[in-house]
Amino acid sequence: MLRFISERLIQSAVVLAVMSFVIFGLIGLMPGDPVDLMISADPDLTSADVAKLREIYGLDRPVAERYGNWLLSVLQGDFGFSRLFAKPVFDILGPALGNTLMLLGISLTLALCIGLPLGIWAAVRPYSLRDYSVNLFAFAGISIPSFWLGLLLIILFAVILGWLPAGGLGTPGMDGWSDKLIYLVLPATSLTLASVGGHTRYMRASMLETLRQDYIRTARAKGLPERRVVLGHALRNALIPVTTIIALDFGTLFSGALITETIFAYPGMGKLTFDAVMGNDFNLALVCLLLATLVTLVGNILADLAYAWLDPRIGFEGKKQ
């Protein structure tokens, strides 16, 4: 197991290094750079001043050399300086990452608690009225765009009914968790509804296929109660393919939080990434995008570990034993 985890960590580190070079190059292709912004803010800058500034920021050097300098700084714990927030990037990431992980943790937990039981419930009675009802709910959740759903929730619960705050992290002057949770209701609901449909559909399909296996027919022929057949024999195997979706969904949720957090003005990684890209804050945008990549890679490693836990026949080498 330790060998498997070590190999996956090395593979993830290689992927992360490649992605860092790709993202670094793509961000460099974005229109505008710090010197362009200085020129627009101060038209009196001369050509000599501009050349000197480009030399100071290293913009006159090849991309590979700039990337090497940036990577060396990161390995020494220096993630650069945020031009937008006038702070070191590392100081900005901590609070934003904590807020996003709290939002994603609540949303993913709710999506799993709703989606998986609904999928199982529908698969036990396929093509019945409750199966069609669950499918209708799932398709509605998948089809509704998250930005539209977020705006709808704000209009209904914040503007018309006035029950919940439209955005932010908390009421100024109040530090209690209850106050923060009130501000999380709408963004967490938006993210949950956006992902619960997918979980329901995948769980239904996986459970339906598992219930058609020969060993399930044998269990039923032995007279076992249907509840024990479903929960005791079928559920564990049905969860194996769903685990992949859950792991990938964590990365998707992390990326999808960009829209949700921006709509609800929630100070997390999504809004931070949006602000960094729109403000041409290269250092901050680069680290935010790499963090999203890292979350996806960690999710895949956890999925591989979950495979072996759910089905011991699957070794850590990824082959049936």
Protein backbone atom coordinates (compact mmCIF):
# COMPACT_ATOMS: atom_id res chain seq x y z
CA MET A 1 0.00 0.00 0.00
CA LEU A 2 2.83 2.39 0.87
CA ARG A 3 4.45 1.60 -2.50
CA PHE A 4 1.18 2.32 -4.27
CA ILE A 5 0.71 5.64 -2.47
CA SER A 6 4.33 6.60 -3.17
CA GLU A 7 3.97 5.83 -6.89
CA ARG A 8 0.72 7.80 -7.13
CA LEU A 9 2.27 10.74 -5.30
CA ILE A 10 5.24 10.74 -7.70
CA GLN A 11 2.90 10.53 -10.71
CA SER A 12 0.79 13.37 -9.31
CA ALA A 13 3.90 15.49 -8.72
CA VAL A 14 4.97 14.98 -12.36
CA VAL A 15 1.49 15.88 -13.63
CA LEU A 16 1.43 18.95 -11.38
CA ALA A 17 4.85 20.06 -12.66
CA VAL A 18 3.74 19.70 -16.29
CA MET A 19 0.49 21.52 -15.60
CA SER A 20 2.34 24.32 -13.82
CA PHE A 21 4.45 24.93 -16.96
CA VAL A 22 1.38 24.82 -19.22
CA ILE A 23 -0.63 27.19 -17.01
CA PHE A 24 2.39 29.48 -16.61
CA GLY A 25 2.70 29.71 -20.39
CA LEU A 26 -1.04 30.23 -20.94
CA ILE A 27 -1.23 32.98 -18.32
CA GLY A 28 1.69 34.66 -20.03
CA LEU A 29 -0.38 34.76 -23.23
CA MET A 30 -3.18 36.69 -21.53
CA PRO A 31 -3.56 40.25 -22.80
CA GLY A 32 -1.94 42.81 -20.52
CA ASP A 33 0.81 42.40 -17.93
CA PRO A 34 1.85 44.38 -14.84
CA VAL A 35 3.89 46.82 -16.92
CA ASP A 36 1.00 47.42 -19.36
CA LEU A 37 -1.21 48.26 -16.38
CA MET A 38 1.43 50.70 -15.08
CA ILE A 39 1.61 52.35 -18.50
CA SER A 40 -2.17 52.79 -18.61
CA ALA A 41 -2.11 54.23 -15.07
CA ASP A 42 0.82 56.59 -15.78
CA PRO A 43 1.03 57.78 -19.42
CA ASP A 44 4.15 59.81 -18.56
CA LEU A 45 6.33 56.69 -18.39
CA THR A 46 9.06 56.79 -21.02
CA SER A 47 10.30 53.92 -23.17
CA ALA A 48 13.37 53.66 -20.95
CA ASP A 49 11.15 53.39 -17.87
CA VAL A 50 9.09 50.65 -19.52
CA ALA A 51 12.21 48.70 -20.51
CA LYS A 52 13.58 49.02 -16.98
CA LEU A 53 10.29 47.83 -15.46
CA ARG A 54 10.15 44.83 -17.80
CA GLU A 55 13.69 43.96 -16.73
CA ILE A 56 12.77 44.24 -13.03
CA TYR A 57 9.72 41.98 -13.45
CA GLY A 58 11.67 39.58 -15.69
CA LEU A 59 9.26 40.07 -18.59
CA ASP A 60 12.12 40.56 -21.04
CA ARG A 61 13.30 36.98 -20.54
CA PRO A 62 12.13 33.76 -22.26
CA VAL A 63 9.15 31.92 -20.76
CA ALA A 64 11.28 28.90 -19.80
CA GLU A 65 13.70 31.07 -17.81
CA ARG A 66 10.87 32.92 -16.07
CA TYR A 67 9.21 29.60 -15.25
CA GLY A 68 12.44 28.24 -13.82
CA ASN A 69 12.86 31.29 -11.57
CA TRP A 70 9.23 31.06 -10.44
CA LEU A 71 9.53 27.31 -9.70
CA LEU A 72 12.71 27.87 -7.71
CA SER A 73 10.97 30.51 -5.62
CA VAL A 74 7.97 28.22 -5.01
CA LEU A 75 10.23 25.40 -3.85
CA GLN A 76 11.69 27.85 -1.32
CA GLY A 77 8.18 28.69 -0.06
CA ASP A 78 7.81 31.99 -1.90
CA PHE A 79 4.62 32.03 -4.03
CA GLY A 80 5.14 35.59 -5.16
CA PHE A 81 3.37 38.85 -4.41
CA SER A 82 -0.24 39.64 -5.25
CA ARG A 83 -0.44 42.93 -7.10
CA LEU A 84 -4.24 43.06 -6.62
CA PHE A 85 -4.26 42.61 -2.83
CA ALA A 86 -0.77 44.06 -2.15
CA LYS A 87 0.10 41.01 -0.02
CA PRO A 88 2.14 37.83 -0.40
CA VAL A 89 0.08 35.21 -2.24
CA PHE A 90 0.57 32.69 0.58
CA ASP A 91 -1.12 35.05 3.07
CA ILE A 92 -4.21 35.34 0.85
CA LEU A 93 -4.67 31.64 0.10
CA GLY A 94 -5.21 30.39 3.65
CA PRO A 95 -8.53 32.08 4.53
CA ALA A 96 -9.94 31.66 1.00
CA LEU A 97 -9.05 27.95 0.90
CA GLY A 98 -10.61 27.39 4.32
CA ASN A 99 -13.86 29.06 3.24
CA THR A 100 -14.04 27.03 0.02
CA LEU A 101 -13.31 23.71 1.72
CA MET A 102 -16.09 24.43 4.24
CA LEU A 103 -18.52 25.25 1.42
CA LEU A 104 -17.52 22.22 -0.66
CA GLY A 105 -17.59 19.89 2.36
CA ILE A 106 -21.17 20.87 3.18
CA SER A 107 -22.28 20.74 -0.46
CA LEU A 108 -20.67 17.38 -1.23
CA THR A 109 -22.00 15.82 1.98
CA LEU A 110 -25.53 17.00 1.22
CA ALA A 111 -25.28 15.88 -2.42
CA LEU A 112 -24.16 12.38 -1.39
CA CYS A 113 -26.75 12.09 1.40
CA ILE A 114 -29.53 12.99 -1.06
CA GLY A 115 -28.26 11.59 -4.36
CA LEU A 116 -27.07 8.10 -3.34
CA PRO A 117 -30.22 7.06 -1.42
CA LEU A 118 -32.41 8.43 -4.21
CA GLY A 119 -30.46 6.44 -6.80
CA ILE A 120 -30.76 3.23 -4.76
CA TRP A 121 -34.46 3.86 -4.10
CA ALA A 122 -35.12 4.31 -7.82
CA ALA A 123 -33.05 1.30 -8.90
CA VAL A 124 -34.90 -1.10 -6.60
CA ARG A 125 -38.13 -0.42 -8.52
CA PRO A 126 -36.98 0.41 -12.07
CA TYR A 127 -39.42 1.96 -14.53
CA SER A 128 -41.98 2.59 -11.78
CA LEU A 129 -43.61 5.88 -10.88
CA ARG A 130 -41.00 6.65 -8.23
CA ASP A 131 -38.20 5.79 -10.67
CA TYR A 132 -39.60 8.23 -13.24
CA SER A 133 -40.04 10.87 -10.51
CA VAL A 134 -36.45 10.49 -9.34
CA ASN A 135 -35.18 10.64 -12.93
CA LEU A 136 -37.18 13.81 -13.53
CA PHE A 137 -35.65 15.39 -10.42
CA ALA A 138 -32.15 14.26 -11.45
CA PHE A 139 -32.44 15.54 -15.00
CA ALA A 140 -33.77 18.88 -13.71
CA GLY A 141 -30.76 19.21 -11.41
CA ILE A 142 -28.33 18.36 -14.22
CA SER A 143 -29.99 20.65 -16.75
CA ILE A 144 -30.32 23.83 -14.68
CA PRO A 145 -27.22 26.06 -15.08
CA SER A 146 -25.63 26.81 -11.72
CA PHE A 147 -25.38 30.57 -12.35
CA TRP A 148 -29.10 30.74 -13.19
CA LEU A 149 -29.98 28.66 -10.14
CA GLY A 150 -27.87 30.93 -7.93
CA LEU A 151 -29.57 34.06 -9.24
CA LEU A 152 -32.98 32.41 -8.77
CA LEU A 153 -32.19 31.55 -5.14
CA ILE A 154 -31.05 35.13 -4.46
CA ILE A 155 -34.17 36.64 -6.01
CA LEU A 156 -36.53 34.24 -4.19
CA PHE A 157 -35.01 33.90 -0.71
CA ALA A 158 -33.06 37.15 -0.33
CA VAL A 159 -34.96 39.75 -2.38
CA ILE A 160 -38.61 38.62 -2.34
CA LEU A 161 -38.87 36.68 0.96
CA GLY A 162 -35.93 38.33 2.76
CA TRP A 163 -35.21 35.14 4.71
CA LEU A 164 -31.51 34.78 3.90
CA PRO A 165 -28.59 37.09 3.03
CA ALA A 166 -27.82 37.42 -0.67
CA GLY A 167 -24.06 37.08 -0.28
CA GLY A 168 -20.96 37.51 1.83
CA LEU A 169 -19.45 35.46 4.62
CA GLY A 170 -20.99 36.91 7.75
CA THR A 171 -22.61 39.89 9.38
CA PRO A 172 -20.06 42.60 10.34
CA GLY A 173 -19.44 42.49 14.09
CA MET A 174 -20.70 38.90 14.51
CA ASP A 175 -18.21 36.01 14.65
CA GLY A 176 -20.49 33.13 15.65
CA TRP A 177 -20.72 29.94 13.56
CA SER A 178 -24.50 30.24 13.41
CA ASP A 179 -24.15 33.55 11.60
CA LYS A 180 -21.67 32.07 9.10
CA LEU A 181 -23.90 29.06 8.47
CA ILE A 182 -26.79 31.36 7.52
CA TYR A 183 -24.58 32.90 4.81
CA LEU A 184 -23.66 29.42 3.57
CA VAL A 185 -27.24 28.26 3.01
CA LEU A 186 -27.78 29.74 -0.46
CA PRO A 187 -24.36 28.99 -2.03
CA ALA A 188 -24.34 25.47 -0.53
CA THR A 189 -27.87 24.86 -1.85
CA SER A 190 -26.84 26.02 -5.30
CA LEU A 191 -23.80 23.73 -5.43
CA THR A 192 -25.72 20.79 -3.93
CA LEU A 193 -28.57 20.96 -6.43
CA ALA A 194 -26.07 21.26 -9.27
CA SER A 195 -24.36 17.97 -8.35
CA VAL A 196 -27.07 15.86 -6.71
CA GLY A 197 -28.65 14.97 -10.06
CA GLY A 198 -25.44 13.43 -11.38
CA HIS A 199 -24.91 11.39 -8.22
CA THR A 200 -28.49 10.12 -8.39
CA ARG A 201 -28.17 9.03 -12.02
CA TYR A 202 -24.81 7.28 -11.56
CA MET A 203 -25.96 5.52 -8.38
CA ARG A 204 -29.17 4.34 -10.04
CA ALA A 205 -27.33 2.98 -13.10
CA SER A 206 -24.66 1.23 -11.01
CA MET A 207 -27.16 -0.30 -8.59
CA LEU A 208 -29.41 -1.40 -11.46
CA GLU A 209 -26.52 -3.25 -13.11
CA THR A 210 -25.43 -4.82 -9.82
CA LEU A 211 -28.94 -6.06 -9.02
CA ARG A 212 -28.92 -8.01 -12.31
CA GLN A 213 -25.82 -10.04 -11.36
CA ASP A 214 -26.03 -13.78 -10.74
CA TYR A 215 -24.95 -13.59 -7.10
CA ILE A 216 -27.87 -11.24 -6.40
CA ARG A 217 -30.28 -13.75 -7.96
CA THR A 218 -28.70 -16.43 -5.76
CA ALA A 219 -29.16 -14.30 -2.66
CA ARG A 220 -32.82 -13.75 -3.53
CA ALA A 221 -33.30 -17.46 -4.29
CA LYS A 222 -32.00 -18.27 -0.81
CA GLY A 223 -34.87 -16.22 0.58
CA LEU A 224 -32.91 -13.30 1.97
CA PRO A 225 -34.97 -10.17 2.66
CA GLU A 226 -34.81 -7.61 -0.16
CA ARG A 227 -33.40 -4.98 2.21
CA ARG A 228 -30.47 -7.26 3.08
CA VAL A 229 -29.91 -8.14 -0.59
CA VAL A 230 -29.73 -4.49 -1.60
CA LEU A 231 -27.83 -3.02 1.35
CA GLY A 232 -25.79 -6.06 2.37
CA HIS A 233 -24.82 -7.58 -0.98
CA ALA A 234 -25.34 -5.09 -3.80
CA LEU A 235 -24.50 -1.71 -2.28
CA ARG A 236 -20.76 -2.29 -1.76
CA ASN A 237 -20.15 -3.33 -5.38
CA ALA A 238 -22.47 -0.66 -6.75
CA LEU A 239 -20.45 2.01 -4.96
CA ILE A 240 -17.19 1.13 -6.79
CA PRO A 241 -17.89 2.95 -10.09
CA VAL A 242 -19.69 5.73 -8.24
CA THR A 243 -16.52 6.37 -6.24
CA THR A 244 -14.80 7.60 -9.40
CA ILE A 245 -17.57 10.09 -10.02
CA ILE A 246 -17.46 11.30 -6.42
CA ALA A 247 -13.69 11.82 -6.59
CA LEU A 248 -13.89 13.67 -9.89
CA ASP A 249 -16.90 15.60 -8.67
CA PHE A 250 -14.82 17.10 -5.86
CA GLY A 251 -12.54 18.66 -8.46
CA THR A 252 -15.55 19.72 -10.51
CA LEU A 253 -17.15 21.31 -7.45
CA PHE A 254 -13.89 23.12 -6.70
CA SER A 255 -13.91 24.57 -10.22
CA GLY A 256 -17.67 25.15 -10.20
CA ALA A 257 -17.29 27.16 -7.02
CA LEU A 258 -15.79 29.91 -9.20
CA ILE A 259 -19.25 30.78 -10.56
CA THR A 260 -21.17 30.15 -7.34
CA GLU A 261 -18.76 32.09 -5.11
CA THR A 262 -18.70 34.99 -7.56
CA ILE A 263 -22.50 35.18 -7.70
CA PHE A 264 -22.84 35.05 -3.91
CA ALA A 265 -19.75 37.24 -3.27
CA TYR A 266 -18.42 34.42 -1.10
CA PRO A 267 -14.72 34.98 -0.29
CA GLY A 268 -13.38 31.58 -1.31
CA MET A 269 -10.95 30.20 -3.89
CA GLY A 270 -13.47 30.51 -6.72
CA LYS A 271 -14.03 34.22 -6.24
CA LEU A 272 -10.32 34.71 -5.60
CA THR A 273 -9.47 33.03 -8.93
CA PHE A 274 -12.05 35.15 -10.75
CA ASP A 275 -10.71 38.36 -9.21
CA ALA A 276 -7.11 37.36 -9.97
CA VAL A 277 -7.81 36.58 -13.64
CA MET A 278 -9.93 39.68 -14.19
CA GLY A 279 -7.34 41.85 -12.42
CA ASN A 280 -4.38 40.38 -14.34
CA ASP A 281 -2.83 39.27 -11.05
CA PHE A 282 -0.60 36.60 -12.61
CA ASN A 283 1.04 35.25 -9.46
CA LEU A 284 -2.28 34.80 -7.65
CA ALA A 285 -4.12 33.37 -10.68
CA LEU A 286 -1.33 30.85 -11.32
CA VAL A 287 -1.36 29.50 -7.77
CA CYS A 288 -5.18 29.36 -7.67
CA LEU A 289 -5.34 27.34 -10.90
CA LEU A 290 -2.60 25.00 -9.72
CA LEU A 291 -4.45 24.47 -6.46
CA ALA A 292 -7.54 23.40 -8.42
CA THR A 293 -5.36 20.90 -10.31
CA LEU A 294 -3.91 19.62 -7.04
CA VAL A 295 -7.38 19.06 -5.57
CA THR A 296 -8.36 16.97 -8.60
CA LEU A 297 -5.19 14.86 -8.33
CA VAL A 298 -5.74 14.26 -4.61
CA GLY A 299 -9.34 13.25 -5.38
CA ASN A 300 -8.11 10.62 -7.85
CA ILE A 301 -5.67 9.17 -5.32
CA LEU A 302 -8.45 8.92 -2.74
CA ALA A 303 -10.64 7.21 -5.36
CA ASP A 304 -7.96 4.57 -5.99
CA LEU A 305 -7.67 3.91 -2.27
CA ALA A 306 -11.45 3.64 -1.99
CA TYR A 307 -11.49 1.00 -4.77
CA ALA A 308 -9.29 -1.31 -2.76
CA TRP A 309 -11.34 -0.72 0.38
CA LEU A 310 -14.68 -1.41 -1.32
CA ASP A 311 -13.44 -4.44 -3.29
CA PRO A 312 -10.45 -6.28 -1.75
CA ARG A 313 -10.10 -8.28 -5.01
CA ILE A 314 -8.81 -5.07 -6.58
CA GLY A 315 -5.19 -4.85 -5.56
CA PHE A 316 -3.29 -1.64 -5.20
CA GLU A 317 -1.67 -2.54 -8.55
CA GLY A 318 -5.07 -1.91 -10.17
CA LYS A 319 -5.60 -5.53 -11.30
CA LYS A 320 -8.12 -8.10 -10.21
CA GLN A 321 -6.47 -10.59 -7.94
